Every structure is written in structure tokens, then in C-alpha cells.
Amino acid sequence: MPGFDNIVLVGFMGCGKSTVAAELAGRCAWQYVDLDEVIVSQAGRSIPVIFAEDGEDTFRRLETEALRGLVGRRGLVVAAGGGIVLRRENWNLMRQLGPVVFLQTDPGVIRSRLQGPSGRPLADGQSWADILAHYQQRLPFYRQADVTVELTDESPEEIAGIVLRAIENGLNGKNG
């Protein structure tokens, strides 16, 4: 069992947060939590429907509420949504949970993963230039994470090991 209560993964859409979080949860014998799934369950609507009917601001509020509901729990690996880093309050909540890990993925890899309909409101119907602009806008926020793990073409299993080692090193004053 790791020497921390939870792990929170952040990064841009398509970087592999959900896949890696599930792998990490298995390794740590912890519970995998996809924050988007929590929001859908609590709201009773899909994320594209929330965006279409109520807008991004409402979604971001629901995201903060879902995150707040996890504070105080232990043994979680949380895959946070790509935009969670935009609200300062979310950083406070994420850090209450445990180390925040930024899965930094090359934009070219993300582009290949976002080909075709993705069910992501901020990607579907957008040009690659618009998506890349979102990525660039969020990058300084992601870099506020406790640990940054730079990824290329590693498997989810390899990434899980890299993340655990990076957290160990990051908590001891070295960053991934």
C-alpha cells in the first residue's frame, strides 16, 4: 500500500487518465473513481447533455461538487476531468485527497486518440487548432501538479509503474 491516502490524475482529454487510473487502482488494491462517471450518476444526464442544456459553467460546478464528495475518503485513484484544473477550489480539494499527478502526453498522441466522435463536448466538432489551443491554455494549470509524468507510447501497465515511482520521488523532493 502506498504511503499516501489517494492519487489524483490530471491531464488533457485523451491522455489516458481513466485507463491509467484503473490500472493503478488494481495495483494498489484501491477503488478506481472516474470523476466524469460520478458527475453523470449524480446529475442523471450525460456530460454532452449537461454541456448542451446547461453549459460548461454548470458542468464545472457539478465537477467541483463531485470532487468535494470524495474528500475524506481513502484508497481512491481518481481520474479527474481535463478541465478540473481551471478552478482554484478544485486544486485545494484535489490536494486534500492526495498527490496530484499530471499525465503529460504529446499533443500528437492526443490528436490520434481524439480522431472521430469522442463524446467529449470540447472536442467533437472542433478543429485540431481549437483543441490544441485548449491544451495550450490548460498546460500552465496542469503543471501545478505535485508530480509530472511525461508519456510517449508506454502501455497502461508501464505508466502505472512510472506514476508510482514518480510519486515516491516527488514526495521526496524529486519530480518525475
N, C-alpha and C. Protein backbone atom coordinates (compact mmCIF):
# COMPACT_ATOMS: atom_id res chain seq x y z
N MET A 1 0.86 -1.19 0.00
CA MET A 1 0.00 0.00 0.00
C MET A 1 0.89 1.24 0.00
N PRO A 2 0.60 2.19 -0.87
CA PRO A 2 1.41 3.41 -0.94
C PRO A 2 1.36 4.21 0.36
N GLY A 3 2.29 5.15 0.51
CA GLY A 3 2.37 5.98 1.71
C GLY A 3 1.58 7.26 1.59
N PHE A 4 0.42 7.23 0.96
CA PHE A 4 -0.45 8.39 0.81
C PHE A 4 -1.87 7.85 0.70
N ASP A 5 -2.85 8.72 0.92
CA ASP A 5 -4.25 8.28 1.02
C ASP A 5 -4.91 7.97 -0.32
N ASN A 6 -4.62 8.76 -1.34
CA ASN A 6 -5.26 8.64 -2.65
C ASN A 6 -4.29 9.15 -3.71
N ILE A 7 -4.65 8.95 -4.96
CA ILE A 7 -3.92 9.50 -6.09
C ILE A 7 -4.94 10.19 -6.99
N VAL A 8 -4.61 11.39 -7.46
CA VAL A 8 -5.47 12.11 -8.39
C VAL A 8 -4.70 12.33 -9.68
N LEU A 9 -5.26 11.85 -10.79
CA LEU A 9 -4.63 12.02 -12.10
C LEU A 9 -5.31 13.16 -12.85
N VAL A 10 -4.49 14.07 -13.39
CA VAL A 10 -4.99 15.15 -14.22
C VAL A 10 -4.24 15.14 -15.54
N GLY A 11 -4.84 15.76 -16.53
CA GLY A 11 -4.23 15.84 -17.85
C GLY A 11 -5.30 16.14 -18.87
N PHE A 12 -4.86 16.42 -20.08
CA PHE A 12 -5.77 16.79 -21.15
C PHE A 12 -6.59 15.58 -21.59
N MET A 13 -7.74 15.85 -22.19
CA MET A 13 -8.57 14.77 -22.71
C MET A 13 -7.74 13.89 -23.65
N GLY A 14 -7.97 12.59 -23.52
CA GLY A 14 -7.27 11.65 -24.39
C GLY A 14 -5.88 11.27 -23.93
N CYS A 15 -5.46 11.74 -22.75
CA CYS A 15 -4.10 11.42 -22.29
C CYS A 15 -4.03 10.05 -21.62
N GLY A 16 -5.17 9.45 -21.31
CA GLY A 16 -5.16 8.12 -20.71
C GLY A 16 -5.44 8.08 -19.22
N LYS A 17 -6.00 9.16 -18.66
CA LYS A 17 -6.25 9.21 -17.22
C LYS A 17 -7.10 8.04 -16.74
N SER A 18 -8.19 7.78 -17.42
CA SER A 18 -9.11 6.72 -16.97
C SER A 18 -8.46 5.35 -17.04
N THR A 19 -7.77 5.06 -18.12
CA THR A 19 -7.12 3.76 -18.29
C THR A 19 -6.03 3.57 -17.25
N VAL A 20 -5.21 4.59 -17.05
CA VAL A 20 -4.11 4.50 -16.09
C VAL A 20 -4.66 4.44 -14.66
N ALA A 21 -5.70 5.21 -14.37
CA ALA A 21 -6.29 5.17 -13.03
C ALA A 21 -6.81 3.78 -12.69
N ALA A 22 -7.46 3.13 -13.65
CA ALA A 22 -7.95 1.77 -13.42
C ALA A 22 -6.79 0.82 -13.15
N GLU A 23 -5.72 0.95 -13.90
CA GLU A 23 -4.53 0.11 -13.70
C GLU A 23 -3.91 0.37 -12.33
N LEU A 24 -3.78 1.63 -11.96
CA LEU A 24 -3.22 1.98 -10.65
C LEU A 24 -4.08 1.44 -9.51
N ALA A 25 -5.39 1.57 -9.66
CA ALA A 25 -6.29 1.07 -8.62
C ALA A 25 -6.09 -0.43 -8.41
N GLY A 26 -5.95 -1.17 -9.50
CA GLY A 26 -5.70 -2.60 -9.39
C GLY A 26 -4.39 -2.89 -8.68
N ARG A 27 -3.35 -2.17 -9.01
CA ARG A 27 -2.04 -2.38 -8.38
C ARG A 27 -2.06 -2.06 -6.89
N CYS A 28 -2.78 -1.02 -6.52
CA CYS A 28 -2.80 -0.58 -5.12
C CYS A 28 -3.91 -1.25 -4.32
N ALA A 29 -4.75 -2.04 -4.98
CA ALA A 29 -5.95 -2.63 -4.36
C ALA A 29 -6.83 -1.51 -3.79
N TRP A 30 -6.97 -0.44 -4.59
CA TRP A 30 -7.79 0.70 -4.23
C TRP A 30 -8.98 0.78 -5.18
N GLN A 31 -9.87 1.72 -4.90
CA GLN A 31 -11.05 1.92 -5.74
C GLN A 31 -10.73 2.93 -6.85
N TYR A 32 -11.13 2.58 -8.06
CA TYR A 32 -10.99 3.47 -9.21
C TYR A 32 -12.22 4.37 -9.26
N VAL A 33 -12.00 5.67 -9.37
CA VAL A 33 -13.09 6.63 -9.48
C VAL A 33 -12.86 7.50 -10.72
N ASP A 34 -13.77 7.41 -11.67
CA ASP A 34 -13.76 8.31 -12.82
C ASP A 34 -14.70 9.45 -12.47
N LEU A 35 -14.16 10.63 -12.25
CA LEU A 35 -14.97 11.75 -11.78
C LEU A 35 -16.10 12.08 -12.75
N ASP A 36 -15.86 11.92 -14.05
CA ASP A 36 -16.93 12.15 -15.02
C ASP A 36 -18.09 11.19 -14.79
N GLU A 37 -17.80 9.94 -14.45
CA GLU A 37 -18.86 8.97 -14.18
C GLU A 37 -19.64 9.34 -12.92
N VAL A 38 -18.96 9.88 -11.92
CA VAL A 38 -19.63 10.34 -10.71
C VAL A 38 -20.60 11.47 -11.05
N ILE A 39 -20.15 12.40 -11.88
CA ILE A 39 -20.99 13.53 -12.29
C ILE A 39 -22.23 13.03 -13.04
N VAL A 40 -22.04 12.12 -13.98
CA VAL A 40 -23.15 11.56 -14.75
C VAL A 40 -24.15 10.88 -13.82
N SER A 41 -23.64 10.11 -12.87
CA SER A 41 -24.51 9.41 -11.92
C SER A 41 -25.29 10.40 -11.06
N GLN A 42 -24.62 11.41 -10.56
CA GLN A 42 -25.29 12.39 -9.69
C GLN A 42 -26.27 13.27 -10.46
N ALA A 43 -25.92 13.63 -11.69
CA ALA A 43 -26.77 14.54 -12.48
C ALA A 43 -27.88 13.80 -13.21
N GLY A 44 -27.69 12.50 -13.42
CA GLY A 44 -28.68 11.72 -14.17
C GLY A 44 -28.70 12.05 -15.65
N ARG A 45 -27.63 12.67 -16.14
CA ARG A 45 -27.53 13.04 -17.56
C ARG A 45 -26.09 12.87 -18.01
N SER A 46 -25.91 12.66 -19.30
CA SER A 46 -24.56 12.53 -19.84
C SER A 46 -23.87 13.89 -19.85
N ILE A 47 -22.56 13.87 -19.94
CA ILE A 47 -21.80 15.12 -19.98
C ILE A 47 -22.15 15.96 -21.21
N PRO A 48 -22.25 15.35 -22.41
CA PRO A 48 -22.66 16.18 -23.56
C PRO A 48 -24.03 16.84 -23.35
N VAL A 49 -24.96 16.14 -22.69
CA VAL A 49 -26.28 16.73 -22.43
C VAL A 49 -26.17 17.87 -21.43
N ILE A 50 -25.36 17.69 -20.38
CA ILE A 50 -25.16 18.77 -19.40
C ILE A 50 -24.60 20.01 -20.10
N PHE A 51 -23.57 19.81 -20.92
CA PHE A 51 -22.98 20.93 -21.66
C PHE A 51 -24.02 21.59 -22.56
N ALA A 52 -24.79 20.78 -23.29
CA ALA A 52 -25.76 21.32 -24.26
C ALA A 52 -26.90 22.06 -23.56
N GLU A 53 -27.39 21.50 -22.45
CA GLU A 53 -28.57 22.08 -21.80
C GLU A 53 -28.22 23.19 -20.81
N ASP A 54 -27.10 23.03 -20.11
CA ASP A 54 -26.80 23.96 -19.01
C ASP A 54 -25.48 24.72 -19.17
N GLY A 55 -24.64 24.28 -20.10
CA GLY A 55 -23.38 24.98 -20.34
C GLY A 55 -22.21 24.47 -19.51
N GLU A 56 -21.04 24.94 -19.90
CA GLU A 56 -19.81 24.49 -19.25
C GLU A 56 -19.72 24.95 -17.80
N ASP A 57 -20.21 26.15 -17.49
CA ASP A 57 -20.13 26.64 -16.10
C ASP A 57 -20.87 25.71 -15.14
N THR A 58 -22.05 25.26 -15.54
CA THR A 58 -22.80 24.32 -14.70
C THR A 58 -22.05 23.02 -14.55
N PHE A 59 -21.48 22.52 -15.66
CA PHE A 59 -20.70 21.29 -15.57
C PHE A 59 -19.54 21.45 -14.60
N ARG A 60 -18.84 22.56 -14.67
CA ARG A 60 -17.68 22.79 -13.78
C ARG A 60 -18.12 22.84 -12.32
N ARG A 61 -19.29 23.40 -12.05
CA ARG A 61 -19.82 23.42 -10.68
C ARG A 61 -20.12 22.00 -10.21
N LEU A 62 -20.75 21.20 -11.07
CA LEU A 62 -21.04 19.80 -10.73
C LEU A 62 -19.75 19.02 -10.50
N GLU A 63 -18.74 19.33 -11.29
CA GLU A 63 -17.44 18.67 -11.15
C GLU A 63 -16.83 18.97 -9.77
N THR A 64 -16.91 20.22 -9.35
CA THR A 64 -16.38 20.60 -8.03
C THR A 64 -17.16 19.90 -6.93
N GLU A 65 -18.48 19.84 -7.06
CA GLU A 65 -19.31 19.16 -6.06
C GLU A 65 -18.95 17.68 -5.97
N ALA A 66 -18.76 17.04 -7.12
CA ALA A 66 -18.39 15.62 -7.13
C ALA A 66 -17.04 15.41 -6.47
N LEU A 67 -16.09 16.27 -6.75
CA LEU A 67 -14.76 16.18 -6.15
C LEU A 67 -14.85 16.38 -4.64
N ARG A 68 -15.61 17.37 -4.22
CA ARG A 68 -15.79 17.64 -2.79
C ARG A 68 -16.34 16.41 -2.07
N GLY A 69 -17.20 15.67 -2.73
CA GLY A 69 -17.78 14.47 -2.13
C GLY A 69 -16.77 13.35 -1.89
N LEU A 70 -15.60 13.43 -2.50
CA LEU A 70 -14.57 12.41 -2.30
C LEU A 70 -13.63 12.73 -1.15
N VAL A 71 -13.59 14.00 -0.74
CA VAL A 71 -12.66 14.41 0.31
C VAL A 71 -13.00 13.66 1.60
N GLY A 72 -11.97 13.16 2.25
CA GLY A 72 -12.15 12.39 3.48
C GLY A 72 -12.13 10.89 3.25
N ARG A 73 -12.26 10.48 2.01
CA ARG A 73 -12.18 9.05 1.70
C ARG A 73 -10.74 8.66 1.47
N ARG A 74 -10.47 7.37 1.59
CA ARG A 74 -9.11 6.86 1.41
C ARG A 74 -9.14 5.69 0.45
N GLY A 75 -7.99 5.46 -0.18
CA GLY A 75 -7.86 4.31 -1.07
C GLY A 75 -8.52 4.52 -2.42
N LEU A 76 -8.43 5.75 -2.95
CA LEU A 76 -9.03 6.06 -4.25
C LEU A 76 -7.95 6.43 -5.25
N VAL A 77 -8.15 6.01 -6.49
CA VAL A 77 -7.38 6.53 -7.61
C VAL A 77 -8.39 7.27 -8.48
N VAL A 78 -8.27 8.58 -8.53
CA VAL A 78 -9.26 9.43 -9.18
C VAL A 78 -8.76 9.89 -10.54
N ALA A 79 -9.54 9.60 -11.57
CA ALA A 79 -9.30 10.15 -12.91
C ALA A 79 -10.16 11.40 -13.00
N ALA A 80 -9.52 12.56 -12.93
CA ALA A 80 -10.26 13.82 -12.96
C ALA A 80 -10.46 14.26 -14.41
N GLY A 81 -11.47 15.07 -14.63
CA GLY A 81 -11.73 15.58 -15.97
C GLY A 81 -10.64 16.54 -16.41
N GLY A 82 -10.49 16.70 -17.71
CA GLY A 82 -9.43 17.52 -18.26
C GLY A 82 -9.47 18.98 -17.85
N GLY A 83 -10.65 19.51 -17.55
CA GLY A 83 -10.78 20.91 -17.19
C GLY A 83 -10.84 21.19 -15.70
N ILE A 84 -10.68 20.16 -14.90
CA ILE A 84 -10.80 20.34 -13.45
C ILE A 84 -9.76 21.31 -12.90
N VAL A 85 -8.66 21.45 -13.61
CA VAL A 85 -7.55 22.30 -13.15
C VAL A 85 -7.85 23.79 -13.26
N LEU A 86 -8.95 24.15 -13.91
CA LEU A 86 -9.24 25.56 -14.19
C LEU A 86 -9.78 26.32 -12.98
N ARG A 87 -10.27 25.59 -11.97
CA ARG A 87 -10.84 26.26 -10.79
C ARG A 87 -9.90 26.07 -9.60
N ARG A 88 -9.52 27.17 -8.98
CA ARG A 88 -8.61 27.13 -7.82
C ARG A 88 -9.17 26.23 -6.71
N GLU A 89 -10.46 26.31 -6.47
CA GLU A 89 -11.08 25.48 -5.43
C GLU A 89 -10.80 24.00 -5.66
N ASN A 90 -10.80 23.59 -6.92
CA ASN A 90 -10.54 22.18 -7.23
C ASN A 90 -9.13 21.77 -6.83
N TRP A 91 -8.17 22.66 -6.98
CA TRP A 91 -6.80 22.34 -6.57
C TRP A 91 -6.74 22.08 -5.08
N ASN A 92 -7.42 22.91 -4.30
CA ASN A 92 -7.45 22.69 -2.85
C ASN A 92 -8.06 21.34 -2.51
N LEU A 93 -9.16 21.00 -3.19
CA LEU A 93 -9.82 19.72 -2.94
C LEU A 93 -8.96 18.55 -3.38
N MET A 94 -8.35 18.65 -4.56
CA MET A 94 -7.50 17.55 -5.04
C MET A 94 -6.34 17.31 -4.10
N ARG A 95 -5.73 18.37 -3.61
CA ARG A 95 -4.57 18.21 -2.72
C ARG A 95 -4.98 17.66 -1.36
N GLN A 96 -6.24 17.88 -0.96
CA GLN A 96 -6.72 17.25 0.27
C GLN A 96 -6.81 15.73 0.09
N LEU A 97 -7.07 15.30 -1.14
CA LEU A 97 -7.18 13.87 -1.41
C LEU A 97 -5.82 13.19 -1.40
N GLY A 98 -4.84 13.77 -2.06
CA GLY A 98 -3.54 13.13 -2.15
C GLY A 98 -2.72 13.78 -3.25
N PRO A 99 -1.59 13.15 -3.60
CA PRO A 99 -0.76 13.75 -4.64
C PRO A 99 -1.52 13.85 -5.97
N VAL A 100 -1.31 14.99 -6.64
CA VAL A 100 -1.91 15.25 -7.94
C VAL A 100 -0.83 14.99 -8.99
N VAL A 101 -1.14 14.10 -9.93
CA VAL A 101 -0.18 13.69 -10.95
C VAL A 101 -0.67 14.15 -12.32
N PHE A 102 0.17 14.89 -13.01
CA PHE A 102 -0.13 15.35 -14.37
C PHE A 102 0.44 14.34 -15.35
N LEU A 103 -0.44 13.72 -16.13
CA LEU A 103 -0.01 12.81 -17.20
C LEU A 103 0.20 13.67 -18.45
N GLN A 104 1.43 14.09 -18.65
CA GLN A 104 1.75 14.95 -19.79
C GLN A 104 1.98 14.08 -21.02
N THR A 105 1.10 14.24 -21.98
CA THR A 105 1.12 13.42 -23.18
C THR A 105 1.35 14.32 -24.39
N ASP A 106 2.15 13.86 -25.31
CA ASP A 106 2.44 14.61 -26.52
C ASP A 106 1.13 14.94 -27.25
N PRO A 107 0.96 16.18 -27.70
CA PRO A 107 -0.26 16.54 -28.42
C PRO A 107 -0.54 15.66 -29.63
N GLY A 108 0.49 15.17 -30.30
CA GLY A 108 0.27 14.28 -31.45
C GLY A 108 -0.41 12.99 -31.05
N VAL A 109 -0.05 12.45 -29.88
CA VAL A 109 -0.69 11.23 -29.37
C VAL A 109 -2.14 11.53 -29.04
N ILE A 110 -2.37 12.66 -28.39
CA ILE A 110 -3.74 13.05 -28.05
C ILE A 110 -4.57 13.20 -29.32
N ARG A 111 -3.99 13.82 -30.33
CA ARG A 111 -4.72 14.02 -31.59
C ARG A 111 -5.16 12.69 -32.17
N SER A 112 -4.27 11.71 -32.17
CA SER A 112 -4.62 10.40 -32.74
C SER A 112 -5.73 9.73 -31.93
N ARG A 113 -5.76 9.96 -30.62
CA ARG A 113 -6.78 9.35 -29.77
C ARG A 113 -8.13 10.04 -29.91
N LEU A 114 -8.13 11.28 -30.36
CA LEU A 114 -9.38 12.04 -30.48
C LEU A 114 -9.96 12.01 -31.89
N GLN A 115 -9.40 11.20 -32.78
CA GLN A 115 -9.92 11.10 -34.14
C GLN A 115 -11.34 10.54 -34.09
N GLY A 116 -12.24 11.14 -34.83
CA GLY A 116 -13.62 10.68 -34.87
C GLY A 116 -14.40 11.15 -33.66
N PRO A 117 -15.70 10.82 -33.60
CA PRO A 117 -16.53 11.24 -32.47
C PRO A 117 -16.00 10.66 -31.16
N SER A 118 -15.87 11.52 -30.15
CA SER A 118 -15.29 11.08 -28.89
C SER A 118 -16.27 11.16 -27.73
N GLY A 119 -17.39 11.86 -27.91
CA GLY A 119 -18.31 12.07 -26.80
C GLY A 119 -17.80 13.14 -25.84
N ARG A 120 -16.78 13.86 -26.25
CA ARG A 120 -16.21 14.93 -25.42
C ARG A 120 -16.70 16.26 -25.99
N PRO A 121 -17.50 17.00 -25.22
CA PRO A 121 -18.09 18.23 -25.75
C PRO A 121 -17.08 19.26 -26.24
N LEU A 122 -15.91 19.31 -25.63
CA LEU A 122 -14.92 20.31 -26.05
C LEU A 122 -14.04 19.83 -27.19
N ALA A 123 -14.29 18.59 -27.68
CA ALA A 123 -13.50 18.07 -28.80
C ALA A 123 -14.35 17.83 -30.04
N ASP A 124 -15.52 17.25 -29.85
CA ASP A 124 -16.35 16.92 -31.01
C ASP A 124 -16.76 18.17 -31.77
N GLY A 125 -16.54 18.14 -33.07
CA GLY A 125 -16.90 19.26 -33.92
C GLY A 125 -15.89 20.40 -33.90
N GLN A 126 -14.81 20.23 -33.17
CA GLN A 126 -13.78 21.27 -33.08
C GLN A 126 -12.63 20.94 -34.03
N SER A 127 -11.99 21.96 -34.53
CA SER A 127 -10.80 21.74 -35.35
C SER A 127 -9.64 21.37 -34.43
N TRP A 128 -8.62 20.74 -35.01
CA TRP A 128 -7.44 20.41 -34.21
C TRP A 128 -6.80 21.68 -33.66
N ALA A 129 -6.83 22.77 -34.41
CA ALA A 129 -6.26 24.04 -33.94
C ALA A 129 -6.97 24.51 -32.67
N ASP A 130 -8.30 24.36 -32.63
CA ASP A 130 -9.07 24.76 -31.44
C ASP A 130 -8.74 23.85 -30.25
N ILE A 131 -8.65 22.55 -30.52
CA ILE A 131 -8.32 21.60 -29.45
C ILE A 131 -6.92 21.89 -28.91
N LEU A 132 -5.98 22.13 -29.81
CA LEU A 132 -4.61 22.44 -29.40
C LEU A 132 -4.56 23.74 -28.59
N ALA A 133 -5.39 24.71 -28.94
CA ALA A 133 -5.46 25.96 -28.18
C ALA A 133 -5.94 25.69 -26.76
N HIS A 134 -6.94 24.80 -26.60
CA HIS A 134 -7.40 24.40 -25.26
C HIS A 134 -6.26 23.77 -24.48
N TYR A 135 -5.53 22.89 -25.13
CA TYR A 135 -4.40 22.21 -24.50
C TYR A 135 -3.37 23.24 -24.01
N GLN A 136 -3.01 24.17 -24.89
CA GLN A 136 -2.02 25.19 -24.53
C GLN A 136 -2.51 26.08 -23.39
N GLN A 137 -3.80 26.38 -23.39
CA GLN A 137 -4.38 27.21 -22.33
C GLN A 137 -4.29 26.50 -20.98
N ARG A 138 -4.50 25.19 -20.98
CA ARG A 138 -4.54 24.44 -19.73
C ARG A 138 -3.16 24.00 -19.23
N LEU A 139 -2.19 23.96 -20.10
CA LEU A 139 -0.87 23.44 -19.75
C LEU A 139 -0.28 24.09 -18.50
N PRO A 140 -0.32 25.41 -18.34
CA PRO A 140 0.23 26.00 -17.11
C PRO A 140 -0.51 25.53 -15.85
N PHE A 141 -1.80 25.25 -15.98
CA PHE A 141 -2.56 24.75 -14.84
C PHE A 141 -2.15 23.32 -14.50
N TYR A 142 -2.03 22.47 -15.52
CA TYR A 142 -1.60 21.09 -15.29
C TYR A 142 -0.24 21.05 -14.61
N ARG A 143 0.62 21.97 -14.97
CA ARG A 143 1.98 21.98 -14.43
C ARG A 143 2.04 22.34 -12.95
N GLN A 144 0.91 22.70 -12.36
CA GLN A 144 0.84 22.95 -10.92
C GLN A 144 0.74 21.65 -10.13
N ALA A 145 0.64 20.53 -10.83
CA ALA A 145 0.52 19.23 -10.16
C ALA A 145 1.75 18.97 -9.30
N ASP A 146 1.57 18.11 -8.32
CA ASP A 146 2.67 17.74 -7.43
C ASP A 146 3.75 16.98 -8.17
N VAL A 147 3.33 16.19 -9.14
CA VAL A 147 4.24 15.34 -9.90
C VAL A 147 3.81 15.40 -11.37
N THR A 148 4.77 15.51 -12.27
CA THR A 148 4.51 15.44 -13.70
C THR A 148 5.18 14.20 -14.26
N VAL A 149 4.42 13.43 -15.03
CA VAL A 149 4.95 12.24 -15.69
C VAL A 149 4.81 12.47 -17.19
N GLU A 150 5.95 12.51 -17.88
CA GLU A 150 5.93 12.70 -19.33
C GLU A 150 5.79 11.35 -20.02
N LEU A 151 4.77 11.25 -20.87
CA LEU A 151 4.44 9.98 -21.50
C LEU A 151 4.67 10.04 -23.01
N THR A 152 5.03 8.90 -23.55
CA THR A 152 5.14 8.77 -25.01
C THR A 152 4.22 7.64 -25.44
N ASP A 153 4.77 6.44 -25.61
CA ASP A 153 3.94 5.34 -26.10
C ASP A 153 3.92 4.16 -25.14
N GLU A 154 4.10 4.42 -23.85
CA GLU A 154 4.10 3.35 -22.86
C GLU A 154 2.71 2.72 -22.72
N SER A 155 2.69 1.47 -22.29
CA SER A 155 1.43 0.77 -22.03
C SER A 155 0.85 1.29 -20.71
N PRO A 156 -0.46 1.08 -20.49
CA PRO A 156 -1.04 1.49 -19.20
C PRO A 156 -0.33 0.85 -18.01
N GLU A 157 0.10 -0.39 -18.17
CA GLU A 157 0.81 -1.07 -17.08
C GLU A 157 2.14 -0.38 -16.79
N GLU A 158 2.86 -0.03 -17.85
CA GLU A 158 4.14 0.68 -17.67
C GLU A 158 3.91 2.05 -17.04
N ILE A 159 2.88 2.73 -17.50
CA ILE A 159 2.60 4.07 -16.97
C ILE A 159 2.27 4.00 -15.49
N ALA A 160 1.50 3.00 -15.08
CA ALA A 160 1.15 2.85 -13.66
C ALA A 160 2.42 2.74 -12.82
N GLY A 161 3.37 1.94 -13.26
CA GLY A 161 4.63 1.81 -12.53
C GLY A 161 5.40 3.12 -12.50
N ILE A 162 5.42 3.81 -13.63
CA ILE A 162 6.11 5.10 -13.71
C ILE A 162 5.47 6.10 -12.75
N VAL A 163 4.13 6.12 -12.71
CA VAL A 163 3.42 7.05 -11.84
C VAL A 163 3.75 6.78 -10.37
N LEU A 164 3.72 5.52 -9.97
CA LEU A 164 4.01 5.19 -8.57
C LEU A 164 5.43 5.59 -8.20
N ARG A 165 6.38 5.31 -9.07
CA ARG A 165 7.77 5.71 -8.79
C ARG A 165 7.91 7.23 -8.76
N ALA A 166 7.23 7.91 -9.68
CA ALA A 166 7.31 9.38 -9.73
C ALA A 166 6.72 10.01 -8.48
N ILE A 167 5.62 9.45 -7.98
CA ILE A 167 5.04 9.97 -6.74
C ILE A 167 6.02 9.79 -5.60
N GLU A 168 6.59 8.59 -5.49
CA GLU A 168 7.59 8.33 -4.43
C GLU A 168 8.71 9.36 -4.52
N ASN A 169 9.26 9.56 -5.70
CA ASN A 169 10.35 10.52 -5.89
C ASN A 169 9.88 11.95 -5.65
N GLY A 170 8.68 12.27 -6.15
CA GLY A 170 8.14 13.62 -6.00
C GLY A 170 7.89 13.99 -4.56
N LEU A 171 7.42 13.03 -3.77
CA LEU A 171 7.16 13.29 -2.36
C LEU A 171 8.46 13.39 -1.57
N ASN A 172 9.54 12.93 -2.16
CA ASN A 172 10.85 13.04 -1.52
C ASN A 172 11.67 14.18 -2.10
N GLY A 173 11.00 15.11 -2.79
CA GLY A 173 11.68 16.30 -3.28
C GLY A 173 12.16 16.22 -4.71
N LYS A 174 11.93 15.09 -5.38
CA LYS A 174 12.31 14.96 -6.79
C LYS A 174 11.04 14.87 -7.60
N ASN A 175 11.04 15.47 -8.76
CA ASN A 175 9.84 15.45 -9.60
C ASN A 175 10.09 14.62 -10.84
N GLY A 176 9.23 13.54 -10.96
CA GLY A 176 9.12 12.59 -12.01
C GLY A 176 9.98 12.67 -13.14
